[in-house]
C-alpha cells in the first residue's frame, strides 16, 4: 500500500487529499505514511508544473526554446 501512495503522490503528482479520499482517510494519514517512507511532501497547494524528465526528453528530441 505504501508503494502505491508514493507512486500516486510523487510520480503522478496527486494531492494528499485526493489520495486520502481514495482510502477513506485524512490527508494527515497519507502524509504520515509518506514521511515514514522517506518521501518529502510538497507545500500545501503547490503542484509541480514542470516534469524535468519530460523537458529533457523534449529537448533531446529537438524541441528548442525561443531566443529572447
Protein backbone atom coordinates (compact mmCIF):
# COMPACT_ATOMS: atom_id res chain seq x y z
CA UNK A 1 0.00 0.00 0.00
CA UNK A 2 2.78 2.48 0.83
CA UNK A 3 4.33 1.92 -2.59
CA UNK A 4 1.02 2.84 -4.17
CA UNK A 5 0.79 6.02 -2.05
CA UNK A 6 4.31 7.00 -3.09
CA UNK A 7 3.62 6.36 -6.76
CA UNK A 8 0.42 8.41 -6.76
CA UNK A 9 1.93 11.28 -4.82
CA UNK A 10 5.47 11.52 -6.16
CA UNK A 11 5.22 10.02 -9.63
CA UNK A 12 1.70 11.06 -10.64
CA UNK A 13 1.57 14.35 -8.71
CA UNK A 14 -1.72 13.61 -6.95
CA UNK A 15 -2.65 15.59 -3.86
CA UNK A 16 -2.67 14.29 -0.30
CA UNK A 17 -6.41 14.98 -0.15
CA UNK A 18 -7.07 13.13 -3.39
CA UNK A 19 -5.17 10.07 -2.25
CA UNK A 20 -6.81 10.21 1.18
CA UNK A 21 -10.27 10.25 -0.35
CA UNK A 22 -9.49 7.07 -2.25
CA UNK A 23 -8.67 5.30 1.03
CA UNK A 24 -11.43 6.92 3.07
CA UNK A 25 -8.80 8.52 5.31
CA UNK A 26 -7.49 12.01 6.06
CA UNK A 27 -4.72 13.86 4.26
CA UNK A 28 -2.72 13.69 7.52
CA UNK A 29 -2.96 9.88 7.40
CA UNK A 30 -1.43 9.87 3.90
CA UNK A 31 1.19 12.45 4.86
CA UNK A 32 2.31 10.41 7.87
CA UNK A 33 2.80 7.32 5.73
CA UNK A 34 4.71 9.21 3.05
CA UNK A 35 7.00 10.80 5.64
CA UNK A 36 7.58 7.42 7.29
CA UNK A 37 8.59 6.09 3.86
CA UNK A 38 11.12 8.92 3.47
CA UNK A 39 9.12 10.87 0.90
CA UNK A 40 9.18 14.64 1.33
CA UNK A 41 5.84 16.37 0.89
CA UNK A 42 5.12 19.44 -1.19
CA UNK A 43 3.99 22.71 0.35
CA UNK A 44 0.17 22.90 0.58
CA UNK A 45 -1.45 23.97 -2.66
CA UNK A 46 1.74 23.51 -4.64
CA UNK A 47 1.89 21.11 -7.52
CA UNK A 48 4.93 20.74 -9.76
CA UNK A 49 4.28 22.47 -13.05
CA UNK A 50 7.24 21.05 -14.93
CA UNK A 51 8.44 17.48 -15.07
CA UNK A 52 12.24 17.71 -15.54
CA UNK A 53 12.39 14.28 -17.18
CA UNK A 54 9.75 15.29 -19.74
CA UNK A 55 11.64 18.51 -20.51
CA UNK A 56 14.83 16.50 -21.10
CA UNK A 57 13.02 14.14 -23.48
CA UNK A 58 11.59 17.08 -25.45
CA UNK A 59 14.93 18.89 -25.65
CA UNK A 60 16.74 15.71 -26.65
CA UNK A 61 14.08 15.24 -29.33
CA UNK A 62 14.92 18.58 -30.92
CA UNK A 63 12.50 20.98 -29.25
CA UNK A 64 14.17 24.35 -28.70
CA UNK A 65 13.28 27.30 -26.53
CA UNK A 66 12.84 30.54 -28.49
CA UNK A 67 15.64 33.07 -28.00
CA UNK A 68 14.70 36.34 -26.33
